[in-house]
Amino acid sequence: MYVAVRRYEGVSDPQKVAQVAEEGFVPIISEMPGFVAHYLVDAGDGVMVATSVFEHKDAEEQSTFRAGE
């Protein structure tokens, strides 16, 4: 298994971030071969942590590229 963990700071509206991720980012990465799961956690104090799980290294790397877009 391969995991991509992303930390976002300065989040003022966690619900909006979750909505954008669920409607925009997750559909993209869920189509990648080997996609297992995506989790988004509000860590408090304007910090959110996203974790994406894949069976293949290539898909994990591609998800990181897509997240940067």
C-alpha atoms as a PDB file:
ATOM      1  CA  MET A   1       0.000   0.000   0.000  1.00  0.00           C
ATOM      2  CA  TYR A   2       1.042   3.576  -0.688  1.00  0.00           C
ATOM      3  CA  VAL A   3      -0.251   6.622   1.123  1.00  0.00           C
ATOM      4  CA  ALA A   4      -0.169  10.324   0.285  1.00  0.00           C
ATOM      5  CA  VAL A   5      -0.634  12.615   3.278  1.00  0.00           C
ATOM      6  CA  ARG A   6      -1.254  16.310   2.707  1.00  0.00           C
ATOM      7  CA  ARG A   7      -1.460  19.004   5.388  1.00  0.00           C
ATOM      8  CA  TYR A   8      -3.361  22.207   4.698  1.00  0.00           C
ATOM      9  CA  GLU A   9      -2.947  25.209   6.983  1.00  0.00           C
ATOM     10  CA  GLY A  10      -4.942  28.425   7.180  1.00  0.00           C
ATOM     11  CA  VAL A  11      -8.281  26.758   6.481  1.00  0.00           C
ATOM     12  CA  SER A  12     -11.081  29.127   7.453  1.00  0.00           C
ATOM     13  CA  ASP A  13     -14.012  27.000   6.228  1.00  0.00           C
ATOM     14  CA  PRO A  14     -13.420  23.260   6.748  1.00  0.00           C
ATOM     15  CA  GLN A  15     -16.863  22.351   5.397  1.00  0.00           C
ATOM     16  CA  LYS A  16     -16.127  24.141   2.112  1.00  0.00           C
ATOM     17  CA  VAL A  17     -12.774  22.373   1.799  1.00  0.00           C
ATOM     18  CA  ALA A  18     -14.475  19.022   2.414  1.00  0.00           C
ATOM     19  CA  GLN A  19     -17.122  19.812  -0.208  1.00  0.00           C
ATOM     20  CA  VAL A  20     -14.552  20.839  -2.818  1.00  0.00           C
ATOM     21  CA  ALA A  21     -12.516  17.691  -2.125  1.00  0.00           C
ATOM     22  CA  GLU A  22     -15.562  15.428  -2.290  1.00  0.00           C
ATOM     23  CA  GLU A  23     -16.936  16.966  -5.483  1.00  0.00           C
ATOM     24  CA  GLY A  24     -13.700  17.752  -7.307  1.00  0.00           C
ATOM     25  CA  PHE A  25     -10.615  15.888  -6.136  1.00  0.00           C
ATOM     26  CA  VAL A  26     -11.980  12.536  -4.954  1.00  0.00           C
ATOM     27  CA  PRO A  27     -13.767  11.735  -8.235  1.00  0.00           C
ATOM     28  CA  ILE A  28     -10.480  12.280 -10.085  1.00  0.00           C
ATOM     29  CA  ILE A  29      -8.295  10.112  -7.874  1.00  0.00           C
ATOM     30  CA  SER A  30     -10.936   7.423  -7.359  1.00  0.00           C
ATOM     31  CA  GLU A  31     -10.666   6.589 -11.069  1.00  0.00           C
ATOM     32  CA  MET A  32      -6.953   5.824 -10.747  1.00  0.00           C
ATOM     33  CA  PRO A  33      -5.997   2.144 -10.787  1.00  0.00           C
ATOM     34  CA  GLY A  34      -5.372   0.923  -7.269  1.00  0.00           C
ATOM     35  CA  PHE A  35      -7.331   3.638  -5.467  1.00  0.00           C
ATOM     36  CA  VAL A  36      -8.435   2.391  -2.042  1.00  0.00           C
ATOM     37  CA  ALA A  37      -9.669   5.335   0.034  1.00  0.00           C
ATOM     38  CA  HIS A  38      -9.479   9.049   0.773  1.00  0.00           C
ATOM     39  CA  TYR A  39      -9.870  10.613   4.208  1.00  0.00           C
ATOM     40  CA  LEU A  40     -10.071  14.289   5.162  1.00  0.00           C
ATOM     41  CA  VAL A  41      -9.736  15.305   8.803  1.00  0.00           C
ATOM     42  CA  ASP A  42     -10.291  18.682  10.430  1.00  0.00           C
ATOM     43  CA  ALA A  43      -7.367  18.820  12.866  1.00  0.00           C
ATOM     44  CA  GLY A  44      -8.505  22.133  14.352  1.00  0.00           C
ATOM     45  CA  ASP A  45      -6.840  25.537  14.468  1.00  0.00           C
ATOM     46  CA  GLY A  46      -7.207  25.979  10.693  1.00  0.00           C
ATOM     47  CA  VAL A  47      -5.423  22.722   9.847  1.00  0.00           C
ATOM     48  CA  MET A  48      -6.811  19.897   7.726  1.00  0.00           C
ATOM     49  CA  VAL A  49      -5.101  16.639   6.843  1.00  0.00           C
ATOM     50  CA  ALA A  50      -5.940  14.594   3.749  1.00  0.00           C
ATOM     51  CA  THR A  51      -4.857  10.976   3.380  1.00  0.00           C
ATOM     52  CA  SER A  52      -5.189   9.048   0.130  1.00  0.00           C
ATOM     53  CA  VAL A  53      -4.514   5.301   0.004  1.00  0.00           C
ATOM     54  CA  PHE A  54      -3.482   3.384  -3.122  1.00  0.00           C
ATOM     55  CA  GLU A  55      -2.337  -0.111  -3.994  1.00  0.00           C
ATOM     56  CA  HIS A  56       0.213   1.153  -6.537  1.00  0.00           C
ATOM     57  CA  LYS A  57       3.030   3.671  -6.221  1.00  0.00           C
ATOM     58  CA  ASP A  58       2.292   5.179  -9.646  1.00  0.00           C
ATOM     59  CA  ALA A  59      -1.249   6.103  -8.635  1.00  0.00           C
ATOM     60  CA  GLU A  60      -0.047   7.677  -5.384  1.00  0.00           C
ATOM     61  CA  GLU A  61       2.484   9.778  -7.283  1.00  0.00           C
ATOM     62  CA  GLN A  62      -0.119  10.786  -9.852  1.00  0.00           C
ATOM     63  CA  SER A  63      -2.513  11.829  -7.075  1.00  0.00           C
ATOM     64  CA  THR A  64       0.157  14.123  -5.653  1.00  0.00           C
ATOM     65  CA  PHE A  65       0.598  15.695  -9.085  1.00  0.00           C
ATOM     66  CA  ARG A  66      -3.172  16.137  -9.437  1.00  0.00           C
ATOM     67  CA  ALA A  67      -3.439  17.671  -5.958  1.00  0.00           C
ATOM     68  CA  GLY A  68      -0.886  20.274  -7.000  1.00  0.00           C
ATOM     69  CA  GLU A  69      -3.014  21.266  -9.962  1.00  0.00           C
END
